[in-house]
Amino acid sequence: MQLFMIRRSSAWADIAELEKTAAVSGKIGNEEMSDKVRWIRSYVINEPDGRLGTCCIYGAVDGDAITEHARRVGMPGHDYLPIAATVIVRPDPEPS
C-alpha cells in the first residue's frame, strides 16, 4: 500500500461530530475496505472559521480507494497527495 496525506478542511462543527464520523470511517475501513485502505492517524486542526479539519495519514492501494472510502463515510476525500518519504525527527508527543 502507498501512503497518502488527506486534508479535510473545515469538515466538522465540533469534536462530537468528528468522533461520530471517525467511528463510521473506522468501521467502513476495517469491515468493508480492509484490502484497500488503512487509516493510520489523524491530526485535528482548529480551522480559522472555527470549525475542525484534519490532516490524515492513510495507506491505500490508490487514490481511488481514498475517495471511495470518503464517499462511503460521507466526508471530504478529494484533497490528497501521495507521501514520498517519512522523516521522523521526534515521535509524536503523548497527549497530556
PDB file of N, CA and C in Angstrom:
ATOM      1  N   MET A   1       0.841  -1.198   0.000  1.00  0.00           N
ATOM      2  CA  MET A   1       0.000   0.000   0.000  1.00  0.00           C
ATOM      3  C   MET A   1       0.873   1.242   0.000  1.00  0.00           C
ATOM      4  N   GLN A   2       0.438   2.244  -0.699  1.00  0.00           N
ATOM      5  CA  GLN A   2       1.077   3.559  -0.755  1.00  0.00           C
ATOM      6  C   GLN A   2       0.556   4.410   0.407  1.00  0.00           C
ATOM      7  N   LEU A   3       1.390   5.266   0.973  1.00  0.00           N
ATOM      8  CA  LEU A   3       0.942   6.216   1.989  1.00  0.00           C
ATOM      9  C   LEU A   3       0.402   7.476   1.328  1.00  0.00           C
ATOM     10  N   PHE A   4      -0.678   8.016   1.902  1.00  0.00           N
ATOM     11  CA  PHE A   4      -1.288   9.252   1.428  1.00  0.00           C
ATOM     12  C   PHE A   4      -1.546  10.189   2.593  1.00  0.00           C
ATOM     13  N   MET A   5      -1.467  11.498   2.334  1.00  0.00           N
ATOM     14  CA  MET A   5      -1.892  12.526   3.262  1.00  0.00           C
ATOM     15  C   MET A   5      -3.189  13.101   2.705  1.00  0.00           C
ATOM     16  N   ILE A   6      -4.224  13.143   3.541  1.00  0.00           N
ATOM     17  CA  ILE A   6      -5.526  13.659   3.119  1.00  0.00           C
ATOM     18  C   ILE A   6      -5.853  14.871   3.970  1.00  0.00           C
ATOM     19  N   ARG A   7      -6.162  15.988   3.335  1.00  0.00           N
ATOM     20  CA  ARG A   7      -6.549  17.211   4.034  1.00  0.00           C
ATOM     21  C   ARG A   7      -8.058  17.345   3.955  1.00  0.00           C
ATOM     22  N   ARG A   8      -8.704  17.435   5.110  1.00  0.00           N
ATOM     23  CA  ARG A   8     -10.155  17.615   5.169  1.00  0.00           C
ATOM     24  C   ARG A   8     -10.414  18.939   5.881  1.00  0.00           C
ATOM     25  N   SER A   9     -10.535  20.002   5.106  1.00  0.00           N
ATOM     26  CA  SER A   9     -10.660  21.356   5.649  1.00  0.00           C
ATOM     27  C   SER A   9     -12.067  21.645   6.149  1.00  0.00           C
ATOM     28  N   SER A  10     -12.151  22.193   7.359  1.00  0.00           N
ATOM     29  CA  SER A  10     -13.412  22.688   7.935  1.00  0.00           C
ATOM     30  C   SER A  10     -14.568  21.708   7.756  1.00  0.00           C
ATOM     31  N   ALA A  11     -14.318  20.436   7.985  1.00  0.00           N
ATOM     32  CA  ALA A  11     -15.319  19.410   7.708  1.00  0.00           C
ATOM     33  C   ALA A  11     -16.284  19.156   8.866  1.00  0.00           C
ATOM     34  N   TRP A  12     -15.929  19.571  10.089  1.00  0.00           N
ATOM     35  CA  TRP A  12     -16.759  19.259  11.253  1.00  0.00           C
ATOM     36  C   TRP A  12     -17.001  20.491  12.113  1.00  0.00           C
ATOM     37  N   ALA A  13     -18.198  20.569  12.675  1.00  0.00           N
ATOM     38  CA  ALA A  13     -18.573  21.695  13.530  1.00  0.00           C
ATOM     39  C   ALA A  13     -17.921  21.593  14.904  1.00  0.00           C
ATOM     40  N   ASP A  14     -17.774  20.372  15.407  1.00  0.00           N
ATOM     41  CA  ASP A  14     -17.227  20.190  16.759  1.00  0.00           C
ATOM     42  C   ASP A  14     -16.660  18.782  16.897  1.00  0.00           C
ATOM     43  N   ILE A  15     -16.069  18.518  18.051  1.00  0.00           N
ATOM     44  CA  ILE A  15     -15.409  17.233  18.274  1.00  0.00           C
ATOM     45  C   ILE A  15     -16.404  16.072  18.282  1.00  0.00           C
ATOM     46  N   ALA A  16     -17.621  16.310  18.766  1.00  0.00           N
ATOM     47  CA  ALA A  16     -18.630  15.239  18.776  1.00  0.00           C
ATOM     48  C   ALA A  16     -18.960  14.798  17.343  1.00  0.00           C
ATOM     49  N   GLU A  17     -19.112  15.755  16.453  1.00  0.00           N
ATOM     50  CA  GLU A  17     -19.388  15.433  15.051  1.00  0.00           C
ATOM     51  C   GLU A  17     -18.205  14.683  14.428  1.00  0.00           C
ATOM     52  N   LEU A  18     -17.003  15.114  14.746  1.00  0.00           N
ATOM     53  CA  LEU A  18     -15.796  14.444  14.250  1.00  0.00           C
ATOM     54  C   LEU A  18     -15.715  13.010  14.771  1.00  0.00           C
ATOM     55  N   GLU A  19     -15.975  12.811  16.048  1.00  0.00           N
ATOM     56  CA  GLU A  19     -15.913  11.466  16.632  1.00  0.00           C
ATOM     57  C   GLU A  19     -16.945  10.529  16.008  1.00  0.00           C
ATOM     58  N   LYS A  20     -18.123  11.045  15.710  1.00  0.00           N
ATOM     59  CA  LYS A  20     -19.156  10.237  15.064  1.00  0.00           C
ATOM     60  C   LYS A  20     -18.682   9.791  13.670  1.00  0.00           C
ATOM     61  N   THR A  21     -18.114  10.731  12.925  1.00  0.00           N
ATOM     62  CA  THR A  21     -17.595  10.402  11.596  1.00  0.00           C
ATOM     63  C   THR A  21     -16.438   9.422  11.692  1.00  0.00           C
ATOM     64  N   ALA A  22     -15.571   9.609  12.692  1.00  0.00           N
ATOM     65  CA  ALA A  22     -14.420   8.721  12.863  1.00  0.00           C
ATOM     66  C   ALA A  22     -14.868   7.285  13.120  1.00  0.00           C
ATOM     67  N   ALA A  23     -15.929   7.110  13.887  1.00  0.00           N
ATOM     68  CA  ALA A  23     -16.440   5.761  14.152  1.00  0.00           C
ATOM     69  C   ALA A  23     -16.920   5.092  12.862  1.00  0.00           C
ATOM     70  N   VAL A  24     -17.629   5.849  12.031  1.00  0.00           N
ATOM     71  CA  VAL A  24     -18.102   5.316  10.746  1.00  0.00           C
ATOM     72  C   VAL A  24     -16.910   5.012   9.838  1.00  0.00           C
ATOM     73  N   SER A  25     -15.938   5.923   9.824  1.00  0.00           N
ATOM     74  CA  SER A  25     -14.753   5.746   8.996  1.00  0.00           C
ATOM     75  C   SER A  25     -13.997   4.479   9.369  1.00  0.00           C
ATOM     76  N   GLY A  26     -13.791   4.266  10.653  1.00  0.00           N
ATOM     77  CA  GLY A  26     -13.097   3.068  11.102  1.00  0.00           C
ATOM     78  C   GLY A  26     -13.845   1.798  10.739  1.00  0.00           C
ATOM     79  N   LYS A  27     -15.149   1.822  10.926  1.00  0.00           N
ATOM     80  CA  LYS A  27     -15.978   0.650  10.607  1.00  0.00           C
ATOM     81  C   LYS A  27     -15.898   0.317   9.116  1.00  0.00           C
ATOM     82  N   ILE A  28     -16.065   1.311   8.270  1.00  0.00           N
ATOM     83  CA  ILE A  28     -16.022   1.068   6.824  1.00  0.00           C
ATOM     84  C   ILE A  28     -14.628   0.617   6.395  1.00  0.00           C
ATOM     85  N   GLY A  29     -13.609   1.284   6.922  1.00  0.00           N
ATOM     86  CA  GLY A  29     -12.242   0.904   6.573  1.00  0.00           C
ATOM     87  C   GLY A  29     -11.884  -0.501   7.027  1.00  0.00           C
ATOM     88  N   ASN A  30     -12.293  -0.849   8.243  1.00  0.00           N
ATOM     89  CA  ASN A  30     -11.931  -2.158   8.796  1.00  0.00           C
ATOM     90  C   ASN A  30     -12.799  -3.302   8.294  1.00  0.00           C
ATOM     91  N   GLU A  31     -14.070  -3.030   8.036  1.00  0.00           N
ATOM     92  CA  GLU A  31     -15.002  -4.111   7.693  1.00  0.00           C
ATOM     93  C   GLU A  31     -15.323  -4.212   6.199  1.00  0.00           C
ATOM     94  N   GLU A  32     -15.323  -3.101   5.498  1.00  0.00           N
ATOM     95  CA  GLU A  32     -15.732  -3.121   4.092  1.00  0.00           C
ATOM     96  C   GLU A  32     -14.583  -2.928   3.101  1.00  0.00           C
ATOM     97  N   MET A  33     -13.522  -2.248   3.539  1.00  0.00           N
ATOM     98  CA  MET A  33     -12.454  -1.899   2.603  1.00  0.00           C
ATOM     99  C   MET A  33     -11.066  -2.231   3.141  1.00  0.00           C
ATOM    100  N   SER A  34     -10.972  -3.218   4.015  1.00  0.00           N
ATOM    101  CA  SER A  34      -9.690  -3.514   4.661  1.00  0.00           C
ATOM    102  C   SER A  34      -8.590  -3.897   3.674  1.00  0.00           C
ATOM    103  N   ASP A  35      -8.965  -4.357   2.501  1.00  0.00           N
ATOM    104  CA  ASP A  35      -7.975  -4.708   1.490  1.00  0.00           C
ATOM    105  C   ASP A  35      -7.564  -3.514   0.631  1.00  0.00           C
ATOM    106  N   LYS A  36      -8.222  -2.351   0.846  1.00  0.00           N
ATOM    107  CA  LYS A  36      -7.954  -1.180   0.002  1.00  0.00           C
ATOM    108  C   LYS A  36      -7.456   0.036   0.758  1.00  0.00           C
ATOM    109  N   VAL A  37      -7.897   0.233   2.000  1.00  0.00           N
ATOM    110  CA  VAL A  37      -7.468   1.404   2.771  1.00  0.00           C
ATOM    111  C   VAL A  37      -7.147   1.005   4.207  1.00  0.00           C
ATOM    112  N   ARG A  38      -6.231   1.760   4.801  1.00  0.00           N
ATOM    113  CA  ARG A  38      -5.872   1.556   6.203  1.00  0.00           C
ATOM    114  C   ARG A  38      -5.632   2.931   6.834  1.00  0.00           C
ATOM    115  N   TRP A  39      -6.476   3.306   7.791  1.00  0.00           N
ATOM    116  CA  TRP A  39      -6.339   4.581   8.500  1.00  0.00           C
ATOM    117  C   TRP A  39      -5.202   4.438   9.497  1.00  0.00           C
ATOM    118  N   ILE A  40      -4.225   5.310   9.415  1.00  0.00           N
ATOM    119  CA  ILE A  40      -3.064   5.234  10.291  1.00  0.00           C
ATOM    120  C   ILE A  40      -3.154   6.245  11.433  1.00  0.00           C
ATOM    121  N   ARG A  41      -3.390   7.513  11.103  1.00  0.00           N
ATOM    122  CA  ARG A  41      -3.535   8.535  12.138  1.00  0.00           C
ATOM    123  C   ARG A  41      -4.118   9.788  11.534  1.00  0.00           C
ATOM    124  N   SER A  42      -4.634  10.646  12.422  1.00  0.00           N
ATOM    125  CA  SER A  42      -5.162  11.947  12.009  1.00  0.00           C
ATOM    126  C   SER A  42      -4.740  13.004  13.013  1.00  0.00           C
ATOM    127  N   TYR A  43      -4.446  14.173  12.499  1.00  0.00           N
ATOM    128  CA  TYR A  43      -4.197  15.343  13.318  1.00  0.00           C
ATOM    129  C   TYR A  43      -5.406  16.257  13.144  1.00  0.00           C
ATOM    130  N   VAL A  44      -6.034  16.641  14.250  1.00  0.00           N
ATOM    131  CA  VAL A  44      -7.213  17.502  14.208  1.00  0.00           C
ATOM    132  C   VAL A  44      -6.739  18.946  14.253  1.00  0.00           C
ATOM    133  N   ILE A  45      -7.310  19.767  13.367  1.00  0.00           N
ATOM    134  CA  ILE A  45      -6.872  21.145  13.179  1.00  0.00           C
ATOM    135  C   ILE A  45      -8.002  22.108  13.520  1.00  0.00           C
ATOM    136  N   ASN A  46      -7.697  23.133  14.311  1.00  0.00           N
ATOM    137  CA  ASN A  46      -8.634  24.228  14.541  1.00  0.00           C
ATOM    138  C   ASN A  46      -8.551  25.153  13.334  1.00  0.00           C
ATOM    139  N   GLU A  47      -9.620  25.195  12.539  1.00  0.00           N
ATOM    140  CA  GLU A  47      -9.639  26.000  11.321  1.00  0.00           C
ATOM    141  C   GLU A  47      -9.936  27.469  11.646  1.00  0.00           C
ATOM    142  N   PRO A  48      -9.510  28.390  10.790  1.00  0.00           N
ATOM    143  CA  PRO A  48      -9.766  29.811  11.012  1.00  0.00           C
ATOM    144  C   PRO A  48     -11.257  30.169  11.127  1.00  0.00           C
ATOM    145  N   ASP A  49     -12.127  29.363  10.498  1.00  0.00           N
ATOM    146  CA  ASP A  49     -13.560  29.651  10.544  1.00  0.00           C
ATOM    147  C   ASP A  49     -14.234  29.084  11.802  1.00  0.00           C
ATOM    148  N   GLY A  50     -13.440  28.502  12.732  1.00  0.00           N
ATOM    149  CA  GLY A  50     -13.988  27.961  13.966  1.00  0.00           C
ATOM    150  C   GLY A  50     -14.379  26.492  13.887  1.00  0.00           C
ATOM    151  N   ARG A  51     -14.330  25.919  12.706  1.00  0.00           N
ATOM    152  CA  ARG A  51     -14.666  24.506  12.540  1.00  0.00           C
ATOM    153  C   ARG A  51     -13.409  23.657  12.729  1.00  0.00           C
ATOM    154  N   LEU A  52     -13.560  22.358  12.664  1.00  0.00           N
ATOM    155  CA  LEU A  52     -12.426  21.443  12.766  1.00  0.00           C
ATOM    156  C   LEU A  52     -12.127  20.822  11.418  1.00  0.00           C
ATOM    157  N   GLY A  53     -10.870  20.669  11.134  1.00  0.00           N
ATOM    158  CA  GLY A  53     -10.413  19.948   9.953  1.00  0.00           C
ATOM    159  C   GLY A  53      -9.457  18.869  10.406  1.00  0.00           C
ATOM    160  N   THR A  54      -8.985  18.085   9.462  1.00  0.00           N
ATOM    161  CA  THR A  54      -7.998  17.063   9.786  1.00  0.00           C
ATOM    162  C   THR A  54      -6.951  16.963   8.693  1.00  0.00           C
ATOM    163  N   CYS A  55      -5.815  16.457   9.081  1.00  0.00           N
ATOM    164  CA  CYS A  55      -4.768  16.042   8.171  1.00  0.00           C
ATOM    165  C   CYS A  55      -4.545  14.577   8.523  1.00  0.00           C
ATOM    166  N   CYS A  56      -4.906  13.687   7.615  1.00  0.00           N
ATOM    167  CA  CYS A  56      -4.921  12.251   7.898  1.00  0.00           C
ATOM    168  C   CYS A  56      -3.843  11.525   7.108  1.00  0.00           C
ATOM    169  N   ILE A  57      -3.305  10.499   7.730  1.00  0.00           N
ATOM    170  CA  ILE A  57      -2.353   9.621   7.060  1.00  0.00           C
ATOM    171  C   ILE A  57      -3.045   8.268   6.869  1.00  0.00           C
ATOM    172  N   TYR A  58      -3.105   7.851   5.625  1.00  0.00           N
ATOM    173  CA  TYR A  58      -3.739   6.577   5.264  1.00  0.00           C
ATOM    174  C   TYR A  58      -2.786   5.774   4.407  1.00  0.00           C
ATOM    175  N   GLY A  59      -2.897   4.480   4.492  1.00  0.00           N
ATOM    176  CA  GLY A  59      -2.328   3.594   3.496  1.00  0.00           C
ATOM    177  C   GLY A  59      -3.466   3.214   2.563  1.00  0.00           C
ATOM    178  N   ALA A  60      -3.200   3.185   1.272  1.00  0.00           N
ATOM    179  CA  ALA A  60      -4.245   2.816   0.311  1.00  0.00           C
ATOM    180  C   ALA A  60      -3.621   2.234  -0.946  1.00  0.00           C
ATOM    181  N   VAL A  61      -4.404   1.441  -1.642  1.00  0.00           N
ATOM    182  CA  VAL A  61      -3.907   0.855  -2.884  1.00  0.00           C
ATOM    183  C   VAL A  61      -3.751   1.910  -3.970  1.00  0.00           C
ATOM    184  N   ASP A  62      -4.602   2.967  -3.917  1.00  0.00           N
ATOM    185  CA  ASP A  62      -4.508   4.064  -4.875  1.00  0.00           C
ATOM    186  C   ASP A  62      -5.424   5.202  -4.426  1.00  0.00           C
ATOM    187  N   GLY A  63      -5.386   6.296  -5.151  1.00  0.00           N
ATOM    188  CA  GLY A  63      -6.211   7.452  -4.825  1.00  0.00           C
ATOM    189  C   GLY A  63      -7.701   7.185  -4.946  1.00  0.00           C
ATOM    190  N   ASP A  64      -8.075   6.316  -5.854  1.00  0.00           N
ATOM    191  CA  ASP A  64      -9.492   5.979  -5.994  1.00  0.00           C
ATOM    192  C   ASP A  64     -10.039   5.338  -4.722  1.00  0.00           C
ATOM    193  N   ALA A  65      -9.219   4.537  -4.044  1.00  0.00           N
ATOM    194  CA  ALA A  65      -9.650   3.924  -2.789  1.00  0.00           C
ATOM    195  C   ALA A  65      -9.852   4.982  -1.710  1.00  0.00           C
ATOM    196  N   ILE A  66      -9.005   6.006  -1.710  1.00  0.00           N
ATOM    197  CA  ILE A  66      -9.150   7.122  -0.756  1.00  0.00           C
ATOM    198  C   ILE A  66     -10.488   7.821  -0.980  1.00  0.00           C
ATOM    199  N   THR A  67     -10.791   8.171  -2.222  1.00  0.00           N
ATOM    200  CA  THR A  67     -12.035   8.887  -2.496  1.00  0.00           C
ATOM    201  C   THR A  67     -13.257   7.999  -2.290  1.00  0.00           C
ATOM    202  N   GLU A  68     -13.158   6.721  -2.586  1.00  0.00           N
ATOM    203  CA  GLU A  68     -14.288   5.808  -2.376  1.00  0.00           C
ATOM    204  C   GLU A  68     -14.575   5.645  -0.886  1.00  0.00           C
ATOM    205  N   HIS A  69     -13.541   5.502  -0.085  1.00  0.00           N
ATOM    206  CA  HIS A  69     -13.726   5.402   1.360  1.00  0.00           C
ATOM    207  C   HIS A  69     -14.408   6.665   1.896  1.00  0.00           C
ATOM    208  N   ALA A  70     -13.914   7.814   1.499  1.00  0.00           N
ATOM    209  CA  ALA A  70     -14.501   9.083   1.958  1.00  0.00           C
ATOM    210  C   ALA A  70     -15.961   9.203   1.518  1.00  0.00           C
ATOM    211  N   ARG A  71     -16.264   8.796   0.293  1.00  0.00           N
ATOM    212  CA  ARG A  71     -17.640   8.855  -0.198  1.00  0.00           C
ATOM    213  C   ARG A  71     -18.550   7.994   0.660  1.00  0.00           C
ATOM    214  N   ARG A  72     -18.108   6.770   0.965  1.00  0.00           N
ATOM    215  CA  ARG A  72     -18.925   5.875   1.786  1.00  0.00           C
ATOM    216  C   ARG A  72     -19.146   6.436   3.188  1.00  0.00           C
ATOM    217  N   VAL A  73     -18.141   7.103   3.721  1.00  0.00           N
ATOM    218  CA  VAL A  73     -18.244   7.688   5.059  1.00  0.00           C
ATOM    219  C   VAL A  73     -19.103   8.945   5.042  1.00  0.00           C
ATOM    220  N   GLY A  74     -19.046   9.695   3.941  1.00  0.00           N
ATOM    221  CA  GLY A  74     -19.760  10.966   3.853  1.00  0.00           C
ATOM    222  C   GLY A  74     -18.915  12.129   4.326  1.00  0.00           C
ATOM    223  N   MET A  75     -17.619  12.075   4.009  1.00  0.00           N
ATOM    224  CA  MET A  75     -16.704  13.152   4.387  1.00  0.00           C
ATOM    225  C   MET A  75     -15.858  13.531   3.175  1.00  0.00           C
ATOM    226  N   PRO A  76     -15.194  14.694   3.229  1.00  0.00           N
ATOM    227  CA  PRO A  76     -14.342  15.099   2.107  1.00  0.00           C
ATOM    228  C   PRO A  76     -13.205  14.103   1.901  1.00  0.00           C
ATOM    229  N   GLY A  77     -12.816  13.912   0.651  1.00  0.00           N
ATOM    230  CA  GLY A  77     -11.728  12.979   0.373  1.00  0.00           C
ATOM    231  C   GLY A  77     -11.034  13.200  -0.952  1.00  0.00           C
ATOM    232  N   HIS A  78     -11.158  14.388  -1.511  1.00  0.00           N
ATOM    233  CA  HIS A  78     -10.541  14.643  -2.813  1.00  0.00           C
ATOM    234  C   HIS A  78      -9.202  15.369  -2.719  1.00  0.00           C
ATOM    235  N   ASP A  79      -8.893  15.933  -1.551  1.00  0.00           N
ATOM    236  CA  ASP A  79      -7.653  16.685  -1.376  1.00  0.00           C
ATOM    237  C   ASP A  79      -6.615  15.764  -0.736  1.00  0.00           C
ATOM    238  N   TYR A  80      -5.938  14.972  -1.563  1.00  0.00           N
ATOM    239  CA  TYR A  80      -4.946  14.023  -1.054  1.00  0.00           C
ATOM    240  C   TYR A  80      -3.695  14.056  -1.930  1.00  0.00           C
ATOM    241  N   LEU A  81      -2.588  13.660  -1.307  1.00  0.00           N
ATOM    242  CA  LEU A  81      -1.315  13.578  -2.015  1.00  0.00           C
ATOM    243  C   LEU A  81      -0.593  12.311  -1.583  1.00  0.00           C
ATOM    244  N   PRO A  82       0.106  11.646  -2.504  1.00  0.00           N
ATOM    245  CA  PRO A  82       0.923  10.503  -2.098  1.00  0.00           C
ATOM    246  C   PRO A  82       2.130  10.992  -1.299  1.00  0.00           C
ATOM    247  N   ILE A  83       2.516  10.243  -0.295  1.00  0.00           N
ATOM    248  CA  ILE A  83       3.671  10.585   0.527  1.00  0.00           C
ATOM    249  C   ILE A  83       4.903   9.940  -0.092  1.00  0.00           C
ATOM    250  N   ALA A  84       5.927  10.754  -0.334  1.00  0.00           N
ATOM    251  CA  ALA A  84       7.145  10.272  -0.978  1.00  0.00           C
ATOM    252  C   ALA A  84       8.111   9.636   0.022  1.00  0.00           C
ATOM    253  N   ALA A  85       8.162  10.180   1.231  1.00  0.00           N
ATOM    254  CA  ALA A  85       9.092   9.673   2.248  1.00  0.00           C
ATOM    255  C   ALA A  85       8.624  10.168   3.615  1.00  0.00           C
ATOM    256  N   THR A  86       9.116   9.537   4.662  1.00  0.00           N
ATOM    257  CA  THR A  86       8.808   9.946   6.028  1.00  0.00           C
ATOM    258  C   THR A  86      10.111  10.298   6.729  1.00  0.00           C
ATOM    259  N   VAL A  87      10.147  11.479   7.327  1.00  0.00           N
ATOM    260  CA  VAL A  87      11.285  11.926   8.117  1.00  0.00           C
ATOM    261  C   VAL A  87      10.778  12.126   9.536  1.00  0.00           C
ATOM    262  N   ILE A  88      11.296  11.362  10.478  1.00  0.00           N
ATOM    263  CA  ILE A  88      10.874  11.491  11.867  1.00  0.00           C
ATOM    264  C   ILE A  88      12.034  12.085  12.651  1.00  0.00           C
ATOM    265  N   VAL A  89      11.830  13.301  13.153  1.00  0.00           N
ATOM    266  CA  VAL A  89      12.834  13.949  13.982  1.00  0.00           C
ATOM    267  C   VAL A  89      12.607  13.557  15.437  1.00  0.00           C
ATOM    268  N   ARG A  90      11.344  13.568  15.839  1.00  0.00           N
ATOM    269  CA  ARG A  90      10.935  13.137  17.172  1.00  0.00           C
ATOM    270  C   ARG A  90       9.590  12.424  17.023  1.00  0.00           C
ATOM    271  N   PRO A  91       9.302  11.474  17.886  1.00  0.00           N
ATOM    272  CA  PRO A  91       7.975  10.850  17.847  1.00  0.00           C
ATOM    273  C   PRO A  91       6.916  11.860  18.271  1.00  0.00           C
ATOM    274  N   ASP A  92       5.666  11.600  17.883  1.00  0.00           N
ATOM    275  CA  ASP A  92       4.576  12.472  18.324  1.00  0.00           C
ATOM    276  C   ASP A  92       4.553  12.497  19.843  1.00  0.00           C
ATOM    277  N   PRO A  93       4.327  13.668  20.433  1.00  0.00           N
ATOM    278  CA  PRO A  93       4.253  13.732  21.892  1.00  0.00           C
ATOM    279  C   PRO A  93       2.995  13.027  22.392  1.00  0.00           C
ATOM    280  N   GLU A  94       3.076  12.497  23.582  1.00  0.00           N
ATOM    281  CA  GLU A  94       1.913  11.872  24.226  1.00  0.00           C
ATOM    282  C   GLU A  94       0.951  12.967  24.640  1.00  0.00           C
ATOM    283  N   PRO A  95      -0.364  12.742  24.447  1.00  0.00           N
ATOM    284  CA  PRO A  95      -1.342  13.737  24.907  1.00  0.00           C
ATOM    285  C   PRO A  95      -1.240  13.915  26.417  1.00  0.00           C
ATOM    286  N   SER A  96      -1.408  15.154  26.854  1.00  0.00           N
ATOM    287  CA  SER A  96      -1.320  15.402  28.293  1.00  0.00           C
ATOM    288  C   SER A  96      -2.667  15.312  28.975  1.00  0.00           C
TER     289      SER A  96
END
